[in-house]
Amino acid sequence: FDELPPNLINAVVATEDRRFFEHFGVDVIGT
């Protein structure tokens, strides 16, 4: 995981699940 480019990780989070680091597994607001 440490070798993955930060841009790739950020791109995935920004596109797939922006509140990934905030929710408890289910993004109620996003749903």
PDB file of all heavy atoms in Angstrom:
ATOM      1  N   PHE A   1       0.831  -1.208   0.000  1.00  0.00           N
ATOM      2  CA  PHE A   1       0.000   0.000   0.000  1.00  0.00           C
ATOM      3  C   PHE A   1       0.868   1.261   0.000  1.00  0.00           C
ATOM      4  O   PHE A   1       0.529   2.254  -0.643  1.00  0.00           O
ATOM      5  CB  PHE A   1      -0.918  -0.016   1.223  1.00  0.00           C
ATOM      6  CG  PHE A   1      -1.926   1.096   1.237  1.00  0.00           C
ATOM      7  CD1 PHE A   1      -3.089   1.001   0.505  1.00  0.00           C
ATOM      8  CD2 PHE A   1      -1.699   2.256   1.971  1.00  0.00           C
ATOM      9  CE1 PHE A   1      -4.024   2.030   0.507  1.00  0.00           C
ATOM     10  CE2 PHE A   1      -2.623   3.278   1.985  1.00  0.00           C
ATOM     11  CZ  PHE A   1      -3.790   3.168   1.247  1.00  0.00           C
ATOM     12  N   ASP A   2       1.980   1.215   0.702  1.00  0.00           N
ATOM     13  CA  ASP A   2       2.861   2.385   0.779  1.00  0.00           C
ATOM     14  C   ASP A   2       3.479   2.734  -0.566  1.00  0.00           C
ATOM     15  O   ASP A   2       3.893   3.878  -0.786  1.00  0.00           O
ATOM     16  CB  ASP A   2       3.976   2.143   1.801  1.00  0.00           C
ATOM     17  CG  ASP A   2       3.437   2.105   3.220  1.00  0.00           C
ATOM     18  OD1 ASP A   2       2.413   2.781   3.472  1.00  0.00           O
ATOM     19  OD2 ASP A   2       4.013   1.393   4.062  1.00  0.00           O
ATOM     20  N   GLU A   3       3.564   1.744  -1.470  1.00  0.00           N
ATOM     21  CA  GLU A   3       4.177   1.982  -2.777  1.00  0.00           C
ATOM     22  C   GLU A   3       3.176   2.497  -3.814  1.00  0.00           C
ATOM     23  O   GLU A   3       3.581   2.868  -4.916  1.00  0.00           O
ATOM     24  CB  GLU A   3       4.824   0.695  -3.294  1.00  0.00           C
ATOM     25  CG  GLU A   3       6.012   0.221  -2.478  1.00  0.00           C
ATOM     26  CD  GLU A   3       6.569  -1.084  -2.999  1.00  0.00           C
ATOM     27  OE1 GLU A   3       5.917  -2.124  -2.775  1.00  0.00           O
ATOM     28  OE2 GLU A   3       7.632  -1.056  -3.639  1.00  0.00           O
ATOM     29  N   LEU A   4       1.903   2.500  -3.484  1.00  0.00           N
ATOM     30  CA  LEU A   4       0.906   2.998  -4.426  1.00  0.00           C
ATOM     31  C   LEU A   4       1.027   4.512  -4.554  1.00  0.00           C
ATOM     32  O   LEU A   4       1.233   5.213  -3.559  1.00  0.00           O
ATOM     33  CB  LEU A   4      -0.507   2.630  -3.963  1.00  0.00           C
ATOM     34  CG  LEU A   4      -0.852   1.144  -3.937  1.00  0.00           C
ATOM     35  CD1 LEU A   4      -2.242   0.934  -3.358  1.00  0.00           C
ATOM     36  CD2 LEU A   4      -0.763   0.537  -5.331  1.00  0.00           C
ATOM     37  N   PRO A   5       0.883   5.047  -5.757  1.00  0.00           N
ATOM     38  CA  PRO A   5       0.968   6.501  -5.939  1.00  0.00           C
ATOM     39  C   PRO A   5      -0.145   7.211  -5.166  1.00  0.00           C
ATOM     40  O   PRO A   5      -1.315   6.821  -5.274  1.00  0.00           O
ATOM     41  CB  PRO A   5       0.791   6.676  -7.458  1.00  0.00           C
ATOM     42  CG  PRO A   5       1.064   5.352  -8.056  1.00  0.00           C
ATOM     43  CD  PRO A   5       0.667   4.340  -7.037  1.00  0.00           C
ATOM     44  N   PRO A   6       0.179   8.265  -4.417  1.00  0.00           N
ATOM     45  CA  PRO A   6      -0.870   9.013  -3.702  1.00  0.00           C
ATOM     46  C   PRO A   6      -1.956   9.539  -4.643  1.00  0.00           C
ATOM     47  O   PRO A   6      -3.133   9.583  -4.265  1.00  0.00           O
ATOM     48  CB  PRO A   6      -0.088  10.159  -3.048  1.00  0.00           C
ATOM     49  CG  PRO A   6       1.307   9.630  -2.907  1.00  0.00           C
ATOM     50  CD  PRO A   6       1.525   8.760  -4.103  1.00  0.00           C
ATOM     51  N   ASN A   7      -1.568   9.911  -5.863  1.00  0.00           N
ATOM     52  CA  ASN A   7      -2.573  10.416  -6.802  1.00  0.00           C
ATOM     53  C   ASN A   7      -3.615   9.358  -7.133  1.00  0.00           C
ATOM     54  O   ASN A   7      -4.796   9.665  -7.321  1.00  0.00           O
ATOM     55  CB  ASN A   7      -1.895  10.886  -8.094  1.00  0.00           C
ATOM     56  CG  ASN A   7      -1.258  12.256  -7.944  1.00  0.00           C
ATOM     57  OD1 ASN A   7      -1.681  13.059  -7.110  1.00  0.00           O
ATOM     58  ND2 ASN A   7      -0.235  12.529  -8.738  1.00  0.00           N
ATOM     59  N   LEU A   8      -3.196   8.089  -7.210  1.00  0.00           N
ATOM     60  CA  LEU A   8      -4.144   7.018  -7.504  1.00  0.00           C
ATOM     61  C   LEU A   8      -5.111   6.830  -6.339  1.00  0.00           C
ATOM     62  O   LEU A   8      -6.322   6.720  -6.538  1.00  0.00           O
ATOM     63  CB  LEU A   8      -3.397   5.716  -7.791  1.00  0.00           C
ATOM     64  CG  LEU A   8      -4.272   4.476  -8.011  1.00  0.00           C
ATOM     65  CD1 LEU A   8      -5.167   4.656  -9.233  1.00  0.00           C
ATOM     66  CD2 LEU A   8      -3.417   3.228  -8.165  1.00  0.00           C
ATOM     67  N   ILE A   9      -4.583   6.773  -5.130  1.00  0.00           N
ATOM     68  CA  ILE A   9      -5.437   6.604  -3.944  1.00  0.00           C
ATOM     69  C   ILE A   9      -6.429   7.754  -3.836  1.00  0.00           C
ATOM     70  O   ILE A   9      -7.632   7.546  -3.622  1.00  0.00           O
ATOM     71  CB  ILE A   9      -4.568   6.509  -2.684  1.00  0.00           C
ATOM     72  CG1 ILE A   9      -3.669   5.269  -2.753  1.00  0.00           C
ATOM     73  CG2 ILE A   9      -5.438   6.474  -1.429  1.00  0.00           C
ATOM     74  CD1 ILE A   9      -2.661   5.181  -1.639  1.00  0.00           C
ATOM     75  N   ASN A  10      -5.928   8.985  -3.989  1.00  0.00           N
ATOM     76  CA  ASN A  10      -6.804  10.154  -3.879  1.00  0.00           C
ATOM     77  C   ASN A  10      -7.843  10.177  -4.988  1.00  0.00           C
ATOM     78  O   ASN A  10      -8.998  10.570  -4.764  1.00  0.00           O
ATOM     79  CB  ASN A  10      -5.969  11.433  -3.914  1.00  0.00           C
ATOM     80  CG  ASN A  10      -5.046  11.552  -2.717  1.00  0.00           C
ATOM     81  OD1 ASN A  10      -5.290  10.947  -1.674  1.00  0.00           O
ATOM     82  ND2 ASN A  10      -3.979  12.324  -2.854  1.00  0.00           N
ATOM     83  N   ALA A  11      -7.457   9.752  -6.181  1.00  0.00           N
ATOM     84  CA  ALA A  11      -8.399   9.732  -7.295  1.00  0.00           C
ATOM     85  C   ALA A  11      -9.538   8.750  -7.033  1.00  0.00           C
ATOM     86  O   ALA A  11     -10.705   9.043  -7.310  1.00  0.00           O
ATOM     87  CB  ALA A  11      -7.676   9.371  -8.586  1.00  0.00           C
ATOM     88  N   VAL A  12      -9.206   7.584  -6.490  1.00  0.00           N
ATOM     89  CA  VAL A  12     -10.233   6.582  -6.200  1.00  0.00           C
ATOM     90  C   VAL A  12     -11.182   7.074  -5.108  1.00  0.00           C
ATOM     91  O   VAL A  12     -12.406   6.972  -5.231  1.00  0.00           O
ATOM     92  CB  VAL A  12      -9.579   5.252  -5.784  1.00  0.00           C
ATOM     93  CG1 VAL A  12     -10.636   4.264  -5.293  1.00  0.00           C
ATOM     94  CG2 VAL A  12      -8.803   4.647  -6.950  1.00  0.00           C
ATOM     95  N   VAL A  13     -10.628   7.622  -4.035  1.00  0.00           N
ATOM     96  CA  VAL A  13     -11.463   8.108  -2.933  1.00  0.00           C
ATOM     97  C   VAL A  13     -12.338   9.264  -3.401  1.00  0.00           C
ATOM     98  O   VAL A  13     -13.542   9.324  -3.099  1.00  0.00           O
ATOM     99  CB  VAL A  13     -10.589   8.525  -1.740  1.00  0.00           C
ATOM    100  CG1 VAL A  13     -11.439   9.198  -0.659  1.00  0.00           C
ATOM    101  CG2 VAL A  13      -9.866   7.321  -1.160  1.00  0.00           C
ATOM    102  N   ALA A  14     -11.775  10.206  -4.155  1.00  0.00           N
ATOM    103  CA  ALA A  14     -12.527  11.370  -4.619  1.00  0.00           C
ATOM    104  C   ALA A  14     -13.671  10.975  -5.539  1.00  0.00           C
ATOM    105  O   ALA A  14     -14.707  11.644  -5.582  1.00  0.00           O
ATOM    106  CB  ALA A  14     -11.593  12.339  -5.337  1.00  0.00           C
ATOM    107  N   THR A  15     -13.510   9.879  -6.265  1.00  0.00           N
ATOM    108  CA  THR A  15     -14.510   9.479  -7.257  1.00  0.00           C
ATOM    109  C   THR A  15     -15.494   8.442  -6.728  1.00  0.00           C
ATOM    110  O   THR A  15     -16.690   8.499  -7.008  1.00  0.00           O
ATOM    111  CB  THR A  15     -13.811   8.924  -8.512  1.00  0.00           C
ATOM    112  OG1 THR A  15     -12.899   9.908  -9.006  1.00  0.00           O
ATOM    113  CG2 THR A  15     -14.806   8.580  -9.598  1.00  0.00           C
ATOM    114  N   GLU A  16     -15.001   7.490  -5.940  1.00  0.00           N
ATOM    115  CA  GLU A  16     -15.840   6.373  -5.501  1.00  0.00           C
ATOM    116  C   GLU A  16     -16.510   6.593  -4.147  1.00  0.00           C
ATOM    117  O   GLU A  16     -17.609   6.100  -3.916  1.00  0.00           O
ATOM    118  CB  GLU A  16     -14.996   5.096  -5.445  1.00  0.00           C
ATOM    119  CG  GLU A  16     -14.550   4.574  -6.797  1.00  0.00           C
ATOM    120  CD  GLU A  16     -15.713   4.198  -7.684  1.00  0.00           C
ATOM    121  OE1 GLU A  16     -16.594   3.450  -7.241  1.00  0.00           O
ATOM    122  OE2 GLU A  16     -15.748   4.690  -8.825  1.00  0.00           O
ATOM    123  N   ASP A  17     -15.861   7.318  -3.246  1.00  0.00           N
ATOM    124  CA  ASP A  17     -16.396   7.412  -1.875  1.00  0.00           C
ATOM    125  C   ASP A  17     -15.713   8.567  -1.145  1.00  0.00           C
ATOM    126  O   ASP A  17     -14.758   8.380  -0.397  1.00  0.00           O
ATOM    127  CB  ASP A  17     -16.152   6.086  -1.139  1.00  0.00           C
ATOM    128  CG  ASP A  17     -16.860   6.031   0.204  1.00  0.00           C
ATOM    129  OD1 ASP A  17     -17.494   7.022   0.588  1.00  0.00           O
ATOM    130  OD2 ASP A  17     -16.768   4.970   0.859  1.00  0.00           O
ATOM    131  N   ARG A  18     -16.211   9.783  -1.334  1.00  0.00           N
ATOM    132  CA  ARG A  18     -15.550  10.966  -0.789  1.00  0.00           C
ATOM    133  C   ARG A  18     -15.535  10.992   0.730  1.00  0.00           C
ATOM    134  O   ARG A  18     -14.667  11.622   1.332  1.00  0.00           O
ATOM    135  CB  ARG A  18     -16.226  12.241  -1.313  1.00  0.00           C
ATOM    136  CG  ARG A  18     -16.097  12.405  -2.817  1.00  0.00           C
ATOM    137  CD  ARG A  18     -16.657  13.719  -3.294  1.00  0.00           C
ATOM    138  NE  ARG A  18     -16.550  13.844  -4.747  1.00  0.00           N
ATOM    139  CZ  ARG A  18     -16.877  14.936  -5.427  1.00  0.00           C
ATOM    140  NH1 ARG A  18     -17.339  15.999  -4.782  1.00  0.00           N
ATOM    141  NH2 ARG A  18     -16.746  14.960  -6.739  1.00  0.00           N
ATOM    142  N   ARG A  19     -16.504  10.363   1.364  1.00  0.00           N
ATOM    143  CA  ARG A  19     -16.551  10.345   2.829  1.00  0.00           C
ATOM    144  C   ARG A  19     -16.013   9.034   3.399  1.00  0.00           C
ATOM    145  O   ARG A  19     -16.379   8.630   4.507  1.00  0.00           O
ATOM    146  CB  ARG A  19     -17.991  10.585   3.300  1.00  0.00           C
ATOM    147  CG  ARG A  19     -18.375  12.047   3.349  1.00  0.00           C
ATOM    148  CD  ARG A  19     -19.845  12.222   3.705  1.00  0.00           C
ATOM    149  NE  ARG A  19     -20.692  11.830   2.578  1.00  0.00           N
ATOM    150  CZ  ARG A  19     -21.012  12.650   1.572  1.00  0.00           C
ATOM    151  NH1 ARG A  19     -20.563  13.882   1.556  1.00  0.00           N
ATOM    152  NH2 ARG A  19     -21.769  12.237   0.579  1.00  0.00           N
ATOM    153  N   PHE A  20     -15.152   8.376   2.630  1.00  0.00           N
ATOM    154  CA  PHE A  20     -14.633   7.076   3.051  1.00  0.00           C
ATOM    155  C   PHE A  20     -13.990   7.130   4.433  1.00  0.00           C
ATOM    156  O   PHE A  20     -14.189   6.234   5.264  1.00  0.00           O
ATOM    157  CB  PHE A  20     -13.621   6.561   2.026  1.00  0.00           C
ATOM    158  CG  PHE A  20     -12.892   5.311   2.460  1.00  0.00           C
ATOM    159  CD1 PHE A  20     -13.559   4.098   2.547  1.00  0.00           C
ATOM    160  CD2 PHE A  20     -11.545   5.358   2.810  1.00  0.00           C
ATOM    161  CE1 PHE A  20     -12.899   2.947   2.951  1.00  0.00           C
ATOM    162  CE2 PHE A  20     -10.883   4.214   3.220  1.00  0.00           C
ATOM    163  CZ  PHE A  20     -11.555   3.011   3.291  1.00  0.00           C
ATOM    164  N   PHE A  21     -13.216   8.151   4.710  1.00  0.00           N
ATOM    165  CA  PHE A  21     -12.512   8.241   5.982  1.00  0.00           C
ATOM    166  C   PHE A  21     -13.384   8.789   7.108  1.00  0.00           C
ATOM    167  O   PHE A  21     -12.908   8.972   8.233  1.00  0.00           O
ATOM    168  CB  PHE A  21     -11.256   9.105   5.824  1.00  0.00           C
ATOM    169  CG  PHE A  21     -10.206   8.484   4.947  1.00  0.00           C
ATOM    170  CD1 PHE A  21     -10.016   8.923   3.644  1.00  0.00           C
ATOM    171  CD2 PHE A  21      -9.425   7.432   5.411  1.00  0.00           C
ATOM    172  CE1 PHE A  21      -9.057   8.340   2.823  1.00  0.00           C
ATOM    173  CE2 PHE A  21      -8.468   6.847   4.599  1.00  0.00           C
ATOM    174  CZ  PHE A  21      -8.283   7.305   3.298  1.00  0.00           C
ATOM    175  N   GLU A  22     -14.658   9.054   6.824  1.00  0.00           N
ATOM    176  CA  GLU A  22     -15.552   9.624   7.832  1.00  0.00           C
ATOM    177  C   GLU A  22     -16.683   8.682   8.236  1.00  0.00           C
ATOM    178  O   GLU A  22     -17.115   8.689   9.394  1.00  0.00           O
ATOM    179  CB  GLU A  22     -16.144  10.935   7.293  1.00  0.00           C
ATOM    180  CG  GLU A  22     -15.093  11.970   6.922  1.00  0.00           C
ATOM    181  CD  GLU A  22     -15.689  13.122   6.115  1.00  0.00           C
ATOM    182  OE1 GLU A  22     -16.935  13.194   6.037  1.00  0.00           O
ATOM    183  OE2 GLU A  22     -14.919  13.932   5.568  1.00  0.00           O
ATOM    184  N   HIS A  23     -17.203   7.878   7.298  1.00  0.00           N
ATOM    185  CA  HIS A  23     -18.372   7.059   7.625  1.00  0.00           C
ATOM    186  C   HIS A  23     -17.974   5.749   8.306  1.00  0.00           C
ATOM    187  O   HIS A  23     -16.792   5.418   8.426  1.00  0.00           O
ATOM    188  CB  HIS A  23     -19.220   6.792   6.374  1.00  0.00           C
ATOM    189  CG  HIS A  23     -18.512   6.053   5.278  1.00  0.00           C
ATOM    190  ND1 HIS A  23     -18.036   4.775   5.417  1.00  0.00           N
ATOM    191  CD2 HIS A  23     -18.218   6.412   3.995  1.00  0.00           C
ATOM    192  CE1 HIS A  23     -17.497   4.360   4.303  1.00  0.00           C
ATOM    193  NE2 HIS A  23     -17.570   5.343   3.415  1.00  0.00           N
ATOM    194  N   PHE A  24     -18.989   4.992   8.727  1.00  0.00           N
ATOM    195  CA  PHE A  24     -18.790   3.757   9.496  1.00  0.00           C
ATOM    196  C   PHE A  24     -18.929   2.505   8.634  1.00  0.00           C
ATOM    197  O   PHE A  24     -19.096   1.398   9.152  1.00  0.00           O
ATOM    198  CB  PHE A  24     -19.800   3.690  10.651  1.00  0.00           C
ATOM    199  CG  PHE A  24     -21.235   3.821  10.219  1.00  0.00           C
ATOM    200  CD1 PHE A  24     -21.972   2.697   9.871  1.00  0.00           C
ATOM    201  CD2 PHE A  24     -21.838   5.068  10.129  1.00  0.00           C
ATOM    202  CE1 PHE A  24     -23.284   2.806   9.452  1.00  0.00           C
ATOM    203  CE2 PHE A  24     -23.163   5.188   9.714  1.00  0.00           C
ATOM    204  CZ  PHE A  24     -23.882   4.066   9.377  1.00  0.00           C
ATOM    205  N   GLY A  25     -18.838   2.672   7.337  1.00  0.00           N
ATOM    206  CA  GLY A  25     -18.988   1.544   6.415  1.00  0.00           C
ATOM    207  C   GLY A  25     -20.099   1.756   5.423  1.00  0.00           C
ATOM    208  O   GLY A  25     -20.041   1.279   4.291  1.00  0.00           O
ATOM    209  N   VAL A  26     -21.144   2.470   5.844  1.00  0.00           N
ATOM    210  CA  VAL A  26     -22.264   2.830   4.972  1.00  0.00           C
ATOM    211  C   VAL A  26     -22.357   4.344   4.946  1.00  0.00           C
ATOM    212  O   VAL A  26     -22.494   4.975   5.993  1.00  0.00           O
ATOM    213  CB  VAL A  26     -23.588   2.220   5.471  1.00  0.00           C
ATOM    214  CG1 VAL A  26     -24.748   2.651   4.584  1.00  0.00           C
ATOM    215  CG2 VAL A  26     -23.493   0.704   5.523  1.00  0.00           C
ATOM    216  N   ASP A  27     -22.261   4.922   3.775  1.00  0.00           N
ATOM    217  CA  ASP A  27     -22.347   6.373   3.629  1.00  0.00           C
ATOM    218  C   ASP A  27     -23.816   6.756   3.507  1.00  0.00           C
ATOM    219  O   ASP A  27     -24.391   6.741   2.417  1.00  0.00           O
ATOM    220  CB  ASP A  27     -21.557   6.816   2.395  1.00  0.00           C
ATOM    221  CG  ASP A  27     -21.530   8.335   2.237  1.00  0.00           C
ATOM    222  OD1 ASP A  27     -22.047   9.022   3.138  1.00  0.00           O
ATOM    223  OD2 ASP A  27     -20.993   8.820   1.228  1.00  0.00           O
ATOM    224  N   VAL A  28     -24.425   7.095   4.637  1.00  0.00           N
ATOM    225  CA  VAL A  28     -25.858   7.399   4.656  1.00  0.00           C
ATOM    226  C   VAL A  28     -26.163   8.607   3.780  1.00  0.00           C
ATOM    227  O   VAL A  28     -27.117   8.601   2.989  1.00  0.00           O
ATOM    228  CB  VAL A  28     -26.332   7.645   6.099  1.00  0.00           C
ATOM    229  CG1 VAL A  28     -27.809   8.008   6.108  1.00  0.00           C
ATOM    230  CG2 VAL A  28     -26.075   6.425   6.967  1.00  0.00           C
ATOM    231  N   ILE A  29     -25.337   9.643   3.894  1.00  0.00           N
ATOM    232  CA  ILE A  29     -25.575  10.860   3.106  1.00  0.00           C
ATOM    233  C   ILE A  29     -25.448  10.558   1.616  1.00  0.00           C
ATOM    234  O   ILE A  29     -26.283  10.962   0.802  1.00  0.00           O
ATOM    235  CB  ILE A  29     -24.574  11.960   3.522  1.00  0.00           C
ATOM    236  CG1 ILE A  29     -24.797  12.336   4.994  1.00  0.00           C
ATOM    237  CG2 ILE A  29     -24.722  13.187   2.623  1.00  0.00           C
ATOM    238  CD1 ILE A  29     -23.788  13.328   5.520  1.00  0.00           C
ATOM    239  N   GLY A  30     -24.388   9.819   1.261  1.00  0.00           N
ATOM    240  CA  GLY A  30     -24.203   9.473  -0.144  1.00  0.00           C
ATOM    241  C   GLY A  30     -25.319   8.596  -0.679  1.00  0.00           C
ATOM    242  O   GLY A  30     -25.740   8.745  -1.828  1.00  0.00           O
ATOM    243  N   THR A  31     -25.806   7.682   0.143  1.00  0.00           N
ATOM    244  CA  THR A  31     -26.899   6.802  -0.285  1.00  0.00           C
ATOM    245  C   THR A  31     -28.172   7.589  -0.531  1.00  0.00           C
ATOM    246  O   THR A  31     -28.865   7.385  -1.543  1.00  0.00           O
ATOM    247  CB  THR A  31     -27.144   5.714   0.775  1.00  0.00           C
ATOM    248  OG1 THR A  31     -25.948   4.950   0.956  1.00  0.00           O
ATOM    249  CG2 THR A  31     -28.276   4.795   0.347  1.00  0.00           C
TER     250      THR A  31
END
